[in-house]
Amino acid sequence: HRDLHLSIRRQRQMCIRDSSTTILTVILFLCLCNAQDARSMQGAFGAVTIDGKVWNQIALRPVVPFGKFAVALDLVFYFDQDGNIHKDEWDFSSPENTKNTIIDKIYYIRYGLKNDPLYFKIGSLDRVDLGYGILVNAYSNAIQYPQVRKVGLDYKIKTKLGTVQGFVNDFKENIGLTGLRVKSPLISSLPIGVSIVVDRNQYLGLRDADSDGVPDIIDAFPSNSDFSMDSDDDGLADLDPNELDRDGDGYLDAGNLDDIHAWWDALGNTVGVDFSNESYYDSLPDGNVELDSEPLNINKNSDPVGAIAIDFGYPLISQENLSINIYSQAAKMFGKTLLRNEELSLGTGLVPLGISTAFGPARINIEYRMIPKGQFEFGYWNRSYQIERASFSTNDSLGMQIITKESRLGRYGKQNGYYASLYIRLGSLLRAGAAYQDLTGEIWNNSIDDFEENKNKNFVASLSLTKSISKIKYARWFYQQQNVPNPFKFEPSESTVMGYRIGVDLGSGMILNYTFQRTYRDLNGDGKVDGPDEMINITAIETSFNF
């Protein structure tokens, strides 16, 4: 029966693989045909770092325009020095993995531009903001690309009655994180906006390559969806029919002596040996089988977090080269955080007064911020959210623990202060931006086991070229650090994200692209990110060309 089951499963996988390959082949053929006319086929070859290992890559990226529509695919193969292909991008082993593989091939599907009455983009989302940013500020689902590929949705609809805006982080998660904002005039010239954001399961931020629900870091068999536990670490799964001593104590996990005799007899018939005269033929069954506890299954266990916000805005000046708006916003988060292993409800954030102005090439925002009772973070869903969303930490006394971003909010008490941002075009060559938050209030100190008054600061900066300089086709640098006493000490934390991208013209339509990004994970749970494995670098070097 087991062989029949495996045969049926293998045939099913082959059918799925064949049909999916046919679909991808047809899509690629249509794109190639169209691309030859529109001259929109791009190719690339080079190397990328995935999970600390260097992989060579060959990619085809056709871009096919249809009026206001544009479709871009990302058909990429990664292979190592031995010619082994990285299988995550071409996994047809199950219907779920097949769905994810096909979705992965979409780099984006776009209609219109962000300022158009109707706009949407499916695929990689570089930046998403909702309203004035009290909940969602510069969120990106591409922060871990290409190690983690996400295909989300960003959309906006403008009508005479108001504006609807929203986003989805990843269709492969079956819409794990989603946000919606509706803005409409309450009275003449006084628009009101209402935003809702829900992450239905923060655990979906943990990688699960075989889609069995058990995150890779605690999955003893991360590439096999049938097994996840190996209590005695002998390489045989607890559920493997060939595993007879699951806890490795030397006693067979059989129900009684007759079962043990039957097992040795069956083995003897197979190998042609009589085991009935051996001492172990009458070995006692294991009366106390001690197995590892069941691991977390993100398909069965969930930890949601959400928030709702309201904002009012009033335009003081609206001219072609000058605009000044005043606004106010408030938000309430829903969920539970931890402090001293005690659950606390999430809190509220207020911006009683904010001013946004645009004049010439500059845009400036200034806000006064308040957190009346703590357990709140402004711009909670930001650029680093996919990294901080959920992670594992190993502590000598507590073992391996799941740490969600929500669970860290317990260390923030009552706070208030200001926020300012500046984005400016420097002539026709550069575009620069910076944002700074300075809050003062109660921050938990583990050493004294109590709150103390301290600073809570954020700093975000970026610099990019707006046109090419000599051989440099494009360049962009960015840096982010949040929720630290002094971001200008540049001491890294899990909220730190830095990196740059540079493109150099090699001539004959070829561009050398270099991408580097650095993030951090507190793997040992000591509150610092100074361990050898706690710095995560993503590097990609590729040569792209059009044909």
Protein backbone atom coordinates (compact mmCIF):
# COMPACT_ATOMS: atom_id res chain seq x y z
CA HIS A 1 0.00 0.00 0.00
CA ARG A 2 2.87 2.35 0.82
CA ASP A 3 4.50 1.75 -2.59
CA LEU A 4 1.14 2.34 -4.30
CA HIS A 5 0.66 5.57 -2.36
CA LEU A 6 4.15 6.78 -3.34
CA SER A 7 3.54 5.84 -6.97
CA ILE A 8 0.25 7.75 -7.08
CA ARG A 9 1.84 10.75 -5.39
CA ARG A 10 4.78 10.69 -7.83
CA GLN A 11 2.42 10.56 -10.82
CA ARG A 12 0.40 13.46 -9.39
CA GLN A 13 3.57 15.53 -8.96
CA MET A 14 4.62 14.75 -12.55
CA CYS A 15 1.21 15.86 -13.83
CA ILE A 16 1.40 19.08 -11.84
CA ARG A 17 4.97 19.70 -13.02
CA ASP A 18 4.14 19.02 -16.69
CA SER A 19 1.02 21.23 -16.74
CA SER A 20 2.78 24.04 -14.87
CA THR A 21 5.80 23.86 -17.15
CA THR A 22 3.46 24.08 -20.14
CA ILE A 23 1.80 27.20 -18.70
CA LEU A 24 5.15 28.88 -18.06
CA THR A 25 6.40 27.93 -21.53
CA VAL A 26 3.32 29.47 -23.19
CA ILE A 27 3.69 32.67 -21.12
CA LEU A 28 7.37 32.95 -22.00
CA PHE A 29 6.68 32.31 -25.71
CA LEU A 30 4.02 35.03 -25.85
CA CYS A 31 6.32 37.45 -24.02
CA LEU A 32 9.19 36.69 -26.39
CA CYS A 33 7.00 37.25 -29.43
CA ASN A 34 5.71 40.56 -28.10
CA ALA A 35 9.13 41.61 -26.80
CA GLN A 36 10.68 41.28 -30.25
CA ASP A 37 8.35 44.01 -31.47
CA ALA A 38 8.51 46.21 -28.35
CA ARG A 39 12.23 45.59 -27.73
CA SER A 40 11.40 44.96 -24.08
CA MET A 41 13.24 41.72 -23.33
CA GLN A 42 16.00 42.01 -20.76
CA GLY A 43 18.46 39.29 -19.85
CA ALA A 44 20.96 39.04 -17.03
CA PHE A 45 23.72 36.82 -15.73
CA GLY A 46 25.81 37.09 -12.60
CA ALA A 47 25.93 35.92 -8.98
CA VAL A 48 23.78 36.41 -5.88
CA THR A 49 24.07 35.45 -2.21
CA ILE A 50 21.20 33.30 -0.92
CA ASP A 51 21.26 32.07 2.68
CA GLY A 52 24.98 32.79 2.90
CA LYS A 53 25.85 30.80 -0.24
CA VAL A 54 26.90 32.22 -3.61
CA TRP A 55 24.76 31.10 -6.55
CA ASN A 56 25.27 31.87 -10.22
CA GLN A 57 22.22 33.18 -12.01
CA ILE A 58 20.78 33.39 -15.50
CA ALA A 59 17.60 35.43 -15.88
CA LEU A 60 15.13 36.53 -18.52
CA ARG A 61 12.95 39.54 -17.65
CA PRO A 62 10.48 40.33 -20.43
CA VAL A 63 8.43 43.52 -20.09
CA VAL A 64 5.29 43.55 -22.21
CA PRO A 65 3.21 46.78 -22.50
CA PHE A 66 -0.50 46.70 -23.38
CA GLY A 67 -1.69 50.31 -23.38
CA LYS A 68 -1.71 51.38 -19.73
CA PHE A 69 -0.94 47.82 -18.73
CA ALA A 70 2.61 46.54 -18.33
CA VAL A 71 3.58 42.96 -17.49
CA ALA A 72 7.09 42.08 -16.32
CA LEU A 73 8.20 38.53 -15.60
CA ASP A 74 11.22 37.34 -13.64
CA LEU A 75 12.34 33.98 -15.03
CA VAL A 76 15.53 33.19 -13.15
CA PHE A 77 17.69 30.12 -12.60
CA TYR A 78 20.20 29.89 -9.77
CA PHE A 79 22.88 27.18 -9.84
CA ASP A 80 25.97 26.48 -7.75
CA GLN A 81 29.49 25.56 -8.76
CA ASP A 82 28.47 21.89 -9.10
CA GLY A 83 25.61 22.70 -11.44
CA ASN A 84 22.89 22.07 -8.84
CA ILE A 85 19.82 24.25 -9.41
CA HIS A 86 18.27 26.16 -6.50
CA LYS A 87 14.90 24.43 -6.45
CA ASP A 88 12.82 26.93 -4.48
CA GLU A 89 12.07 28.95 -7.65
CA TRP A 90 11.00 25.85 -9.63
CA ASP A 91 9.14 23.67 -7.13
CA PHE A 92 6.17 21.74 -8.53
CA SER A 93 6.05 19.08 -5.79
CA SER A 94 2.56 20.01 -4.58
CA PRO A 95 -0.37 22.20 -5.65
CA GLU A 96 0.62 24.83 -3.04
CA ASN A 97 4.26 24.93 -4.17
CA THR A 98 3.16 24.99 -7.82
CA LYS A 99 0.94 28.00 -7.13
CA ASN A 100 3.83 29.78 -5.41
CA THR A 101 6.25 28.93 -8.22
CA ILE A 102 3.98 30.43 -10.87
CA ILE A 103 3.27 33.53 -8.75
CA ASP A 104 7.03 33.95 -8.24
CA LYS A 105 7.52 34.46 -11.97
CA ILE A 106 5.56 37.74 -11.84
CA TYR A 107 7.89 40.65 -11.18
CA TYR A 108 5.01 43.05 -11.62
CA ILE A 109 1.73 43.64 -13.42
CA ARG A 110 0.95 47.34 -13.47
CA TYR A 111 -1.87 49.54 -14.67
CA GLY A 112 -1.40 53.29 -14.84
CA LEU A 113 0.78 55.44 -12.60
CA LYS A 114 0.38 56.28 -8.91
CA ASN A 115 -1.12 59.72 -9.60
CA ASP A 116 -3.67 58.38 -12.09
CA PRO A 117 -7.36 57.99 -11.11
CA LEU A 118 -6.92 54.21 -11.33
CA TYR A 119 -3.65 52.54 -10.46
CA PHE A 120 -2.60 49.10 -9.33
CA LYS A 121 0.59 47.09 -9.24
CA ILE A 122 0.91 43.36 -8.57
CA GLY A 123 4.36 42.08 -7.68
CA SER A 124 7.36 43.53 -5.91
CA LEU A 125 6.43 46.57 -3.81
CA ASP A 126 9.33 48.95 -3.21
CA ARG A 127 7.41 51.46 -1.08
CA VAL A 128 3.87 51.64 0.30
CA ASP A 129 2.44 54.45 2.47
CA LEU A 130 -1.07 54.88 3.86
CA GLY A 131 -2.21 58.43 4.58
CA TYR A 132 0.22 60.44 6.69
CA GLY A 133 2.08 57.29 7.76
CA ILE A 134 0.95 56.74 11.35
CA LEU A 135 0.49 53.02 10.59
CA VAL A 136 2.16 52.26 7.25
CA ASN A 137 5.27 54.23 6.34
CA ALA A 138 7.64 53.08 3.56
CA TYR A 139 6.61 49.40 3.81
CA SER A 140 8.34 47.09 1.31
CA ASN A 141 7.78 43.43 0.56
CA ALA A 142 11.08 43.23 -1.39
CA ILE A 143 13.45 43.82 1.53
CA GLN A 144 14.73 40.20 1.45
CA TYR A 145 14.78 39.78 -2.33
CA PRO A 146 16.03 37.47 -3.87
CA GLN A 147 16.24 35.19 -0.79
CA VAL A 148 12.52 35.70 -0.21
CA ARG A 149 10.31 36.57 -3.17
CA LYS A 150 6.92 38.12 -2.50
CA VAL A 151 4.17 39.07 -4.92
CA GLY A 152 1.84 41.65 -3.42
CA LEU A 153 -0.65 44.30 -4.52
CA ASP A 154 -0.63 48.09 -4.27
CA TYR A 155 -3.68 49.99 -5.57
CA LYS A 156 -5.42 53.36 -5.55
CA ILE A 157 -8.80 54.46 -6.89
CA LYS A 158 -9.75 58.15 -7.07
CA THR A 159 -13.34 59.29 -7.63
CA LYS A 160 -15.36 62.43 -6.99
CA LEU A 161 -16.57 60.90 -3.75
CA GLY A 162 -13.11 60.15 -2.39
CA THR A 163 -10.07 57.91 -2.64
CA VAL A 164 -9.60 54.24 -1.83
CA GLN A 165 -6.07 52.97 -1.33
CA GLY A 166 -4.74 49.63 -0.13
CA PHE A 167 -2.11 46.94 -0.33
CA VAL A 168 -1.50 43.21 0.14
CA ASN A 169 1.93 41.94 1.10
CA ASP A 170 2.01 38.52 -0.62
CA PHE A 171 -0.48 36.33 -2.46
CA LYS A 172 1.65 33.27 -1.64
CA GLU A 173 0.70 33.83 2.00
CA ASN A 174 -2.93 33.91 0.89
CA ILE A 175 -3.03 37.57 1.92
CA GLY A 176 -1.17 37.55 5.23
CA LEU A 177 -0.84 41.32 5.66
CA THR A 178 -3.30 43.78 4.16
CA GLY A 179 -4.19 47.43 4.59
CA LEU A 180 -6.97 49.74 3.39
CA ARG A 181 -7.52 53.49 3.57
CA VAL A 182 -10.65 55.39 2.55
CA LYS A 183 -10.52 59.18 2.28
CA SER A 184 -13.53 61.39 1.64
CA PRO A 185 -14.50 64.99 2.49
CA LEU A 186 -16.39 65.16 5.79
CA ILE A 187 -17.38 68.72 4.98
CA SER A 188 -16.16 71.04 2.25
CA SER A 189 -12.34 71.14 2.10
CA LEU A 190 -11.94 68.93 5.22
CA PRO A 191 -11.00 65.43 4.11
CA ILE A 192 -11.17 62.61 6.63
CA GLY A 193 -9.31 59.35 6.20
CA VAL A 194 -9.86 55.99 7.90
CA SER A 195 -7.19 53.27 7.70
CA ILE A 196 -7.26 49.61 8.75
CA VAL A 197 -4.26 47.26 8.73
CA VAL A 198 -4.36 43.57 9.66
CA ASP A 199 -1.60 40.97 9.79
CA ARG A 200 -3.65 37.80 10.26
CA ASN A 201 -0.62 35.73 11.27
CA GLN A 202 2.78 37.19 12.10
CA TYR A 203 4.27 33.67 12.01
CA LEU A 204 3.95 33.77 8.21
CA GLY A 205 7.13 35.85 8.34
CA LEU A 206 9.04 32.65 9.16
CA ARG A 207 10.42 30.79 6.16
CA ASP A 208 8.88 27.43 5.33
CA ALA A 209 10.47 26.03 2.16
CA ASP A 210 8.48 22.78 2.00
CA SER A 211 5.14 24.42 2.93
CA ASP A 212 4.40 21.87 5.66
CA GLY A 213 3.65 24.62 8.19
CA VAL A 214 6.81 24.03 10.26
CA PRO A 215 9.34 26.87 9.89
CA ASP A 216 12.67 25.83 8.40
CA ILE A 217 14.71 26.78 11.47
CA ILE A 218 12.91 24.19 13.64
CA ASP A 219 12.10 21.71 10.86
CA ALA A 220 14.41 18.68 11.01
CA PHE A 221 13.56 18.03 7.34
CA PRO A 222 13.01 21.50 5.78
CA SER A 223 12.93 20.08 2.24
CA ASN A 224 10.51 17.22 2.96
CA SER A 225 6.90 18.12 3.66
CA ASP A 226 6.14 14.62 5.01
CA PHE A 227 8.46 14.89 8.02
CA SER A 228 9.47 17.57 10.51
CA MET A 229 10.60 15.81 13.73
CA ASP A 230 13.68 13.73 14.56
CA SER A 231 13.75 13.34 18.34
CA ASP A 232 16.98 11.33 18.51
CA ASP A 233 18.79 13.22 15.71
CA ASP A 234 19.68 10.00 13.89
CA GLY A 235 18.53 11.21 10.44
CA LEU A 236 15.33 9.16 10.49
CA ALA A 237 12.11 11.06 11.07
CA ASP A 238 9.86 10.13 13.98
CA LEU A 239 7.11 9.31 11.48
CA ASP A 240 9.40 7.31 9.17
CA PRO A 241 8.25 3.64 9.09
CA ASN A 242 11.92 2.62 9.31
CA GLU A 243 12.42 4.49 12.60
CA LEU A 244 12.00 1.84 15.32
CA ASP A 245 13.60 3.68 18.23
CA ARG A 246 12.39 7.26 18.01
CA ASP A 247 13.92 8.50 21.26
CA GLY A 248 17.26 6.73 20.72
CA ASP A 249 17.33 4.98 24.12
CA GLY A 250 18.13 1.52 22.68
CA TYR A 251 14.64 0.07 23.23
CA LEU A 252 12.36 -0.58 20.27
CA ASP A 253 9.15 1.45 20.19
CA ALA A 254 6.96 -1.66 19.91
CA GLY A 255 3.72 -2.39 21.68
CA ASN A 256 4.66 -5.84 23.09
CA LEU A 257 7.08 -8.74 22.72
CA ASP A 258 5.02 -10.34 19.93
CA ASP A 259 5.44 -7.18 17.86
CA ILE A 260 9.22 -7.32 18.37
CA HIS A 261 9.31 -11.01 17.36
CA ALA A 262 7.24 -10.23 14.26
CA TRP A 263 9.61 -7.42 13.29
CA TRP A 264 12.75 -9.60 13.60
CA ASP A 265 11.00 -12.46 11.74
CA ALA A 266 10.04 -10.12 8.89
CA LEU A 267 13.57 -8.78 8.69
CA GLY A 268 14.98 -12.32 8.78
CA ASN A 269 12.76 -13.41 5.91
CA THR A 270 13.93 -10.44 3.90
CA VAL A 271 17.68 -10.94 4.43
CA GLY A 272 17.64 -14.75 4.84
CA VAL A 273 18.82 -14.81 8.45
CA ASP A 274 17.22 -16.47 11.49
CA PHE A 275 17.28 -14.01 14.40
CA SER A 276 15.21 -16.12 16.80
CA ASN A 277 18.26 -17.41 18.69
CA GLU A 278 19.76 -13.94 19.22
CA SER A 279 19.56 -12.24 22.61
CA TYR A 280 17.94 -9.13 21.19
CA TYR A 281 15.12 -11.29 19.75
CA ASP A 282 13.48 -11.09 23.19
CA SER A 283 14.38 -7.44 23.86
CA LEU A 284 11.83 -5.55 25.91
CA PRO A 285 9.62 -2.93 24.24
CA ASP A 286 10.15 0.72 25.23
CA GLY A 287 7.61 1.51 27.90
CA ASN A 288 8.54 5.19 28.08
CA VAL A 289 8.99 6.80 24.68
CA GLU A 290 10.17 10.39 25.21
CA LEU A 291 9.83 12.50 22.08
CA ASP A 292 10.40 16.16 21.33
CA SER A 293 7.36 18.38 21.71
CA GLU A 294 5.38 19.12 18.58
CA PRO A 295 6.95 22.07 16.73
CA LEU A 296 5.07 25.23 15.84
CA ASN A 297 2.87 24.82 12.79
CA ILE A 298 2.07 28.19 11.23
CA ASN A 299 -0.84 26.64 9.33
CA LYS A 300 -2.49 25.67 12.63
CA ASN A 301 -1.23 28.35 15.02
CA SER A 302 -1.58 32.07 14.41
CA ASP A 303 -0.73 35.34 16.14
CA PRO A 304 -2.61 38.25 14.56
CA VAL A 305 -2.01 41.97 15.03
CA GLY A 306 -3.95 44.91 13.63
CA ALA A 307 -4.69 48.60 13.91
CA ILE A 308 -7.18 51.28 12.95
CA ALA A 309 -6.41 54.97 12.35
CA ILE A 310 -8.27 58.17 11.57
CA ASP A 311 -6.84 61.40 10.17
CA PHE A 312 -8.10 64.87 9.30
CA GLY A 313 -6.40 67.32 6.95
CA TYR A 314 -7.01 70.92 5.98
CA PRO A 315 -5.24 72.79 3.15
CA LEU A 316 -4.12 76.26 4.28
CA ILE A 317 -2.43 77.18 0.99
CA SER A 318 -2.85 75.46 -2.37
CA GLN A 319 -0.79 77.05 -5.12
CA GLU A 320 1.17 75.68 -8.03
CA ASN A 321 4.58 75.97 -6.34
CA LEU A 322 3.50 76.16 -2.72
CA SER A 323 1.15 74.11 -0.59
CA ILE A 324 0.72 73.96 3.18
CA ASN A 325 -1.55 71.48 4.94
CA ILE A 326 -2.24 70.93 8.60
CA TYR A 327 -3.45 67.56 9.81
CA SER A 328 -4.16 65.46 12.86
CA GLN A 329 -4.19 61.69 13.22
CA ALA A 330 -4.76 58.98 15.82
CA ALA A 331 -4.34 55.22 15.80
CA LYS A 332 -5.18 52.25 18.03
CA MET A 333 -3.37 48.93 17.71
CA PHE A 334 -5.05 45.62 18.52
CA GLY A 335 -3.13 42.66 19.89
CA LYS A 336 -1.08 41.53 22.87
CA THR A 337 2.50 42.24 23.84
CA LEU A 338 4.67 40.96 26.68
CA LEU A 339 6.37 42.48 29.70
CA ARG A 340 7.78 40.26 32.47
CA ASN A 341 5.89 37.40 30.78
CA GLU A 342 2.66 39.32 31.40
CA GLU A 343 0.32 40.06 28.49
CA LEU A 344 -0.50 43.69 27.84
CA SER A 345 -2.93 45.17 25.33
CA LEU A 346 -1.40 47.28 22.58
CA GLY A 347 -1.72 51.03 22.87
CA THR A 348 -2.62 54.25 21.09
CA GLY A 349 -0.60 56.85 19.18
CA LEU A 350 -1.64 60.47 18.62
CA VAL A 351 -0.48 63.27 16.35
CA PRO A 352 -2.50 66.28 17.57
CA LEU A 353 -0.79 68.56 15.05
CA GLY A 354 1.16 67.93 11.89
CA ILE A 355 2.23 70.25 9.09
CA SER A 356 3.12 69.18 5.57
CA THR A 357 4.40 71.62 3.00
CA ALA A 358 5.70 71.43 -0.54
CA PHE A 359 7.51 74.31 -2.15
CA GLY A 360 9.62 74.02 -5.25
CA PRO A 361 11.71 70.86 -5.13
CA ALA A 362 11.23 70.24 -1.38
CA ARG A 363 8.62 68.47 0.77
CA ILE A 364 8.68 68.86 4.56
CA ASN A 365 6.64 67.19 7.30
CA ILE A 366 6.70 68.13 11.00
CA GLU A 367 4.64 66.37 13.68
CA TYR A 368 4.18 66.40 17.43
CA ARG A 369 3.73 62.81 18.58
CA MET A 370 2.26 61.28 21.73
CA ILE A 371 1.97 57.74 23.08
CA PRO A 372 -0.30 58.22 26.13
CA LYS A 373 0.03 54.76 27.72
CA GLY A 374 2.79 53.00 25.76
CA GLN A 375 2.83 49.75 23.75
CA PHE A 376 2.70 51.58 20.42
CA GLU A 377 5.05 52.36 17.54
CA PHE A 378 4.53 55.06 14.90
CA GLY A 379 4.86 53.70 11.37
CA TYR A 380 4.76 50.15 12.73
CA TRP A 381 4.58 48.65 9.23
CA ASN A 382 7.79 50.04 7.74
CA ARG A 383 10.69 49.01 5.52
CA SER A 384 12.08 46.49 8.03
CA TYR A 385 8.73 44.95 9.00
CA GLN A 386 9.24 41.74 7.02
CA ILE A 387 12.48 41.18 8.94
CA GLU A 388 11.12 42.07 12.39
CA ARG A 389 7.70 40.49 11.82
CA ALA A 390 8.72 37.15 13.37
CA SER A 391 12.04 35.55 14.19
CA PHE A 392 13.54 32.86 16.40
CA SER A 393 15.85 33.56 19.30
CA THR A 394 17.90 31.00 21.22
CA ASN A 395 18.34 31.60 24.93
CA ASP A 396 20.39 29.26 27.15
CA SER A 397 17.80 29.25 29.92
CA LEU A 398 14.61 29.43 27.85
CA GLY A 399 15.64 27.55 24.72
CA MET A 400 14.39 28.58 21.28
CA GLN A 401 11.65 31.19 21.32
CA ILE A 402 9.55 32.96 18.70
CA ILE A 403 9.94 36.73 18.88
CA THR A 404 7.36 38.82 17.01
CA LYS A 405 7.61 42.56 16.50
CA GLU A 406 4.36 42.88 18.43
CA SER A 407 5.88 41.14 21.48
CA ARG A 408 8.63 43.80 21.70
CA LEU A 409 6.18 46.69 22.15
CA GLY A 410 5.85 45.95 25.86
CA ARG A 411 9.16 47.68 26.55
CA TYR A 412 7.81 51.08 25.44
CA GLY A 413 5.82 53.13 27.95
CA LYS A 414 4.38 56.64 27.82
CA GLN A 415 6.30 58.88 25.38
CA ASN A 416 6.05 62.14 23.48
CA GLY A 417 8.21 64.18 21.12
CA TYR A 418 8.52 65.29 17.53
CA TYR A 419 9.07 63.94 14.03
CA ALA A 420 10.41 65.73 10.96
CA SER A 421 11.14 64.67 7.40
CA LEU A 422 12.63 66.36 4.35
CA TYR A 423 12.66 65.15 0.75
CA ILE A 424 14.31 67.34 -1.85
CA ARG A 425 15.57 67.32 -5.43
CA LEU A 426 19.05 68.81 -5.65
CA GLY A 427 19.07 70.28 -9.12
CA SER A 428 18.57 67.83 -11.95
CA LEU A 429 21.10 65.34 -10.61
CA LEU A 430 20.25 64.16 -7.08
CA ARG A 431 17.27 63.33 -4.91
CA ALA A 432 17.76 63.15 -1.13
CA GLY A 433 15.55 62.32 1.82
CA ALA A 434 15.81 62.10 5.59
CA ALA A 435 13.39 61.50 8.47
CA TYR A 436 14.06 61.85 12.19
CA GLN A 437 12.00 61.01 15.26
CA ASP A 438 12.90 62.13 18.80
CA LEU A 439 10.62 60.80 21.56
CA THR A 440 11.28 60.97 25.30
CA GLY A 441 9.59 58.76 27.85
CA GLU A 442 9.47 55.39 29.55
CA ILE A 443 11.73 52.68 28.11
CA TRP A 444 12.13 49.33 29.83
CA ASN A 445 15.60 48.61 31.25
CA ASN A 446 16.30 44.92 31.87
CA SER A 447 19.24 45.65 34.18
CA ILE A 448 17.05 47.46 36.73
CA ASP A 449 13.89 45.49 35.87
CA ASP A 450 11.86 48.65 35.55
CA PHE A 451 11.01 51.57 33.26
CA GLU A 452 13.37 54.54 33.09
CA GLU A 453 13.22 57.83 31.21
CA ASN A 454 15.18 57.57 27.99
CA LYS A 455 15.20 58.56 24.34
CA ASN A 456 13.49 56.65 21.54
CA LYS A 457 14.83 57.85 18.21
CA ASN A 458 14.53 56.94 14.55
CA PHE A 459 16.68 57.98 11.62
CA VAL A 460 16.06 57.19 7.95
CA ALA A 461 18.07 58.58 5.03
CA SER A 462 18.38 58.00 1.29
CA LEU A 463 20.27 59.47 -1.63
CA SER A 464 19.85 58.66 -5.31
CA LEU A 465 20.75 59.84 -8.78
CA THR A 466 17.95 61.18 -10.94
CA LYS A 467 19.96 60.86 -14.15
CA SER A 468 23.13 59.14 -15.26
CA ILE A 469 26.60 60.57 -14.70
CA SER A 470 29.13 59.44 -17.28
CA LYS A 471 29.17 55.63 -17.04
CA ILE A 472 27.05 55.48 -13.88
CA LYS A 473 23.52 54.78 -15.06
CA TYR A 474 21.92 54.81 -11.61
CA ALA A 475 22.90 54.82 -7.94
CA ARG A 476 20.96 54.69 -4.68
CA TRP A 477 21.98 54.50 -1.03
CA PHE A 478 19.70 54.07 1.99
CA TYR A 479 19.96 53.67 5.75
CA GLN A 480 17.40 53.04 8.49
CA GLN A 481 17.59 52.58 12.24
CA GLN A 482 14.64 52.76 14.61
CA ASN A 483 13.79 52.65 18.31
CA VAL A 484 17.30 53.33 19.67
CA PRO A 485 18.58 56.00 22.12
CA ASN A 486 21.01 57.47 19.57
CA PRO A 487 20.87 56.41 15.91
CA PHE A 488 23.99 58.45 15.13
CA LYS A 489 26.16 56.05 17.11
CA PHE A 490 25.38 53.64 14.26
CA GLU A 491 25.23 50.65 16.61
CA PRO A 492 23.17 48.07 14.70
CA SER A 493 19.91 46.55 15.88
CA GLU A 494 17.24 44.40 14.27
CA SER A 495 15.62 47.56 12.92
CA THR A 496 18.81 48.52 11.04
CA VAL A 497 18.66 48.28 7.26
CA MET A 498 21.38 49.65 4.99
CA GLY A 499 22.45 49.14 1.43
CA TYR A 500 23.11 50.54 -1.99
CA ARG A 501 22.58 49.83 -5.69
CA ILE A 502 24.84 50.93 -8.54
CA GLY A 503 24.55 50.41 -12.29
CA VAL A 504 27.56 50.97 -14.57
CA ASP A 505 27.26 51.23 -18.35
CA LEU A 506 29.58 48.73 -20.04
CA GLY A 507 28.60 49.75 -23.53
CA SER A 508 26.73 47.91 -26.29
CA GLY A 509 23.56 47.96 -24.18
CA MET A 510 25.12 46.07 -21.26
CA ILE A 511 24.90 47.32 -17.64
CA LEU A 512 26.80 45.98 -14.65
CA ASN A 513 24.45 46.00 -11.64
CA TYR A 514 25.76 45.72 -8.10
CA THR A 515 23.37 45.43 -5.14
CA PHE A 516 24.27 45.17 -1.47
CA GLN A 517 22.02 45.07 1.58
CA ARG A 518 22.74 44.41 5.26
CA THR A 519 20.24 43.55 8.00
CA TYR A 520 20.58 42.01 11.46
CA ARG A 521 18.95 39.25 13.55
CA ASP A 522 19.30 38.76 17.32
CA LEU A 523 19.63 34.97 17.19
CA ASN A 524 20.83 34.38 20.75
CA GLY A 525 18.29 36.67 22.44
CA ASP A 526 20.85 38.82 24.29
CA GLY A 527 19.46 42.11 22.96
CA LYS A 528 22.52 42.73 20.79
CA VAL A 529 23.41 41.84 17.21
CA ASP A 530 27.15 41.32 17.46
CA GLY A 531 27.34 37.55 16.89
CA PRO A 532 29.05 36.08 13.79
CA ASP A 533 25.76 34.85 12.30
CA GLU A 534 23.63 37.83 13.30
CA MET A 535 24.71 40.02 10.36
CA ILE A 536 22.81 39.10 7.18
CA ASN A 537 24.29 40.34 3.91
CA ILE A 538 22.58 40.06 0.54
CA THR A 539 24.86 40.70 -2.44
CA ALA A 540 23.99 40.49 -6.12
CA ILE A 541 26.27 41.16 -9.09
CA GLU A 542 24.78 40.82 -12.53
CA THR A 543 25.25 42.03 -16.05
CA SER A 544 21.98 42.95 -17.74
CA PHE A 545 21.36 43.52 -21.42
CA ASN A 546 18.47 44.22 -23.76
CA PHE A 547 17.75 42.28 -26.92
